[in-house]
């Protein structure tokens, strides 16, 4: 059954840093399901988000995503399925 949406999960291990890829987050709403995630901006600033935070990571001036805590961070991204009848 095609619901019109796609679910992806990303897990960052404790201390893991992953480069920001704007295309990976296009058209997605992101939920922090477990742990905490830090977003490192191009200007050197950092923002931390914990369990339950809902984010839009598309087209932001970010460099990296980091798992700073004692447990892995799990991000769940929900986006439109590009094959649905509403996608252009």
C-alpha atoms as a PDB file:
ATOM      1  CA  UNK A   1       0.000   0.000   0.000  1.00  0.00           C
ATOM      2  CA  UNK A   2       1.396   3.406  -0.983  1.00  0.00           C
ATOM      3  CA  UNK A   3       0.656   5.921   1.771  1.00  0.00           C
ATOM      4  CA  UNK A   4       2.272   8.792  -0.116  1.00  0.00           C
ATOM      5  CA  UNK A   5       5.010   9.092   2.517  1.00  0.00           C
ATOM      6  CA  UNK A   6       8.451   7.632   3.076  1.00  0.00           C
ATOM      7  CA  UNK A   7      10.046   6.925   6.478  1.00  0.00           C
ATOM      8  CA  UNK A   8      13.812   6.868   6.951  1.00  0.00           C
ATOM      9  CA  UNK A   9      15.803   6.362  10.128  1.00  0.00           C
ATOM     10  CA  UNK A  10      19.325   7.616  10.837  1.00  0.00           C
ATOM     11  CA  UNK A  11      21.304   6.531  13.891  1.00  0.00           C
ATOM     12  CA  UNK A  12      24.436   8.373  14.983  1.00  0.00           C
ATOM     13  CA  UNK A  13      26.622   6.516  17.495  1.00  0.00           C
ATOM     14  CA  UNK A  14      27.849   8.272  20.638  1.00  0.00           C
ATOM     15  CA  UNK A  15      30.297  10.969  19.586  1.00  0.00           C
ATOM     16  CA  UNK A  16      29.696  10.393  15.876  1.00  0.00           C
ATOM     17  CA  UNK A  17      29.868  13.428  13.587  1.00  0.00           C
ATOM     18  CA  UNK A  18      28.273  13.313  10.153  1.00  0.00           C
ATOM     19  CA  UNK A  19      28.555  15.953   7.438  1.00  0.00           C
ATOM     20  CA  UNK A  20      25.390  17.848   6.564  1.00  0.00           C
ATOM     21  CA  UNK A  21      23.888  16.999   3.182  1.00  0.00           C
ATOM     22  CA  UNK A  22      21.001  19.355   2.369  1.00  0.00           C
ATOM     23  CA  UNK A  23      19.633  17.015  -0.305  1.00  0.00           C
ATOM     24  CA  UNK A  24      19.203  14.222   2.257  1.00  0.00           C
ATOM     25  CA  UNK A  25      16.738  16.351   4.223  1.00  0.00           C
ATOM     26  CA  UNK A  26      14.788  17.880   1.328  1.00  0.00           C
ATOM     27  CA  UNK A  27      11.031  17.808   1.916  1.00  0.00           C
ATOM     28  CA  UNK A  28      11.380  15.998   5.273  1.00  0.00           C
ATOM     29  CA  UNK A  29      10.118  16.539   8.774  1.00  0.00           C
ATOM     30  CA  UNK A  30      12.600  15.101  11.260  1.00  0.00           C
ATOM     31  CA  UNK A  31      11.795  13.770  14.727  1.00  0.00           C
ATOM     32  CA  UNK A  32      14.433  13.136  17.392  1.00  0.00           C
ATOM     33  CA  UNK A  33      13.311   9.706  18.567  1.00  0.00           C
ATOM     34  CA  UNK A  34      16.196   8.977  20.930  1.00  0.00           C
ATOM     35  CA  UNK A  35      19.243  10.718  22.377  1.00  0.00           C
ATOM     36  CA  UNK A  36      20.281  14.262  21.564  1.00  0.00           C
ATOM     37  CA  UNK A  37      21.526  15.767  18.323  1.00  0.00           C
ATOM     38  CA  UNK A  38      23.718  18.833  17.932  1.00  0.00           C
ATOM     39  CA  UNK A  39      23.618  20.840  14.728  1.00  0.00           C
ATOM     40  CA  UNK A  40      26.860  22.611  13.857  1.00  0.00           C
ATOM     41  CA  UNK A  41      26.344  25.731  11.763  1.00  0.00           C
ATOM     42  CA  UNK A  42      28.722  27.167   9.194  1.00  0.00           C
ATOM     43  CA  UNK A  43      29.271  30.200  11.492  1.00  0.00           C
ATOM     44  CA  UNK A  44      30.580  27.896  14.252  1.00  0.00           C
ATOM     45  CA  UNK A  45      27.491  27.993  16.472  1.00  0.00           C
ATOM     46  CA  UNK A  46      25.778  24.863  17.829  1.00  0.00           C
ATOM     47  CA  UNK A  47      22.180  24.022  18.689  1.00  0.00           C
ATOM     48  CA  UNK A  48      21.176  20.944  20.700  1.00  0.00           C
ATOM     49  CA  UNK A  49      17.832  19.145  20.395  1.00  0.00           C
ATOM     50  CA  UNK A  50      16.559  16.271  22.512  1.00  0.00           C
ATOM     51  CA  UNK A  51      13.958  13.541  22.372  1.00  0.00           C
ATOM     52  CA  UNK A  52      10.660  14.719  20.934  1.00  0.00           C
ATOM     53  CA  UNK A  53      12.065  17.674  19.004  1.00  0.00           C
ATOM     54  CA  UNK A  54      10.598  18.100  15.522  1.00  0.00           C
ATOM     55  CA  UNK A  55      12.958  19.706  13.006  1.00  0.00           C
ATOM     56  CA  UNK A  56      13.142  20.801   9.414  1.00  0.00           C
ATOM     57  CA  UNK A  57      16.762  20.346   8.300  1.00  0.00           C
ATOM     58  CA  UNK A  58      16.339  21.325   4.649  1.00  0.00           C
ATOM     59  CA  UNK A  59      18.393  24.181   3.222  1.00  0.00           C
ATOM     60  CA  UNK A  60      20.017  25.303   6.471  1.00  0.00           C
ATOM     61  CA  UNK A  61      23.518  26.793   6.826  1.00  0.00           C
ATOM     62  CA  UNK A  62      24.834  23.698   8.613  1.00  0.00           C
ATOM     63  CA  UNK A  63      28.169  21.857   8.496  1.00  0.00           C
ATOM     64  CA  UNK A  64      27.568  18.778  10.625  1.00  0.00           C
ATOM     65  CA  UNK A  65      25.213  16.749  12.811  1.00  0.00           C
ATOM     66  CA  UNK A  66      26.710  15.309  15.997  1.00  0.00           C
ATOM     67  CA  UNK A  67      25.641  12.867  18.699  1.00  0.00           C
ATOM     68  CA  UNK A  68      27.108  14.469  21.843  1.00  0.00           C
ATOM     69  CA  UNK A  69      25.470  12.394  24.554  1.00  0.00           C
ATOM     70  CA  UNK A  70      26.107   9.104  26.288  1.00  0.00           C
ATOM     71  CA  UNK A  71      23.641   7.324  24.005  1.00  0.00           C
ATOM     72  CA  UNK A  72      23.174   7.203  20.224  1.00  0.00           C
ATOM     73  CA  UNK A  73      20.807   9.660  18.586  1.00  0.00           C
ATOM     74  CA  UNK A  74      18.007   8.326  16.401  1.00  0.00           C
ATOM     75  CA  UNK A  75      16.455  10.644  13.828  1.00  0.00           C
ATOM     76  CA  UNK A  76      13.293   9.673  11.972  1.00  0.00           C
ATOM     77  CA  UNK A  77      12.611  11.556   8.729  1.00  0.00           C
ATOM     78  CA  UNK A  78       9.193  11.549   7.087  1.00  0.00           C
ATOM     79  CA  UNK A  79       8.949  12.888   3.547  1.00  0.00           C
ATOM     80  CA  UNK A  80       6.593  12.649   0.615  1.00  0.00           C
ATOM     81  CA  UNK A  81       6.973   9.662  -1.640  1.00  0.00           C
ATOM     82  CA  UNK A  82       8.067  11.229  -4.921  1.00  0.00           C
ATOM     83  CA  UNK A  83       5.964   8.725  -6.842  1.00  0.00           C
ATOM     84  CA  UNK A  84       2.661   9.890  -5.378  1.00  0.00           C
ATOM     85  CA  UNK A  85       0.109  11.800  -7.454  1.00  0.00           C
ATOM     86  CA  UNK A  86       0.824  15.106  -5.666  1.00  0.00           C
ATOM     87  CA  UNK A  87       4.573  15.261  -6.398  1.00  0.00           C
ATOM     88  CA  UNK A  88       5.625  17.387  -9.287  1.00  0.00           C
END
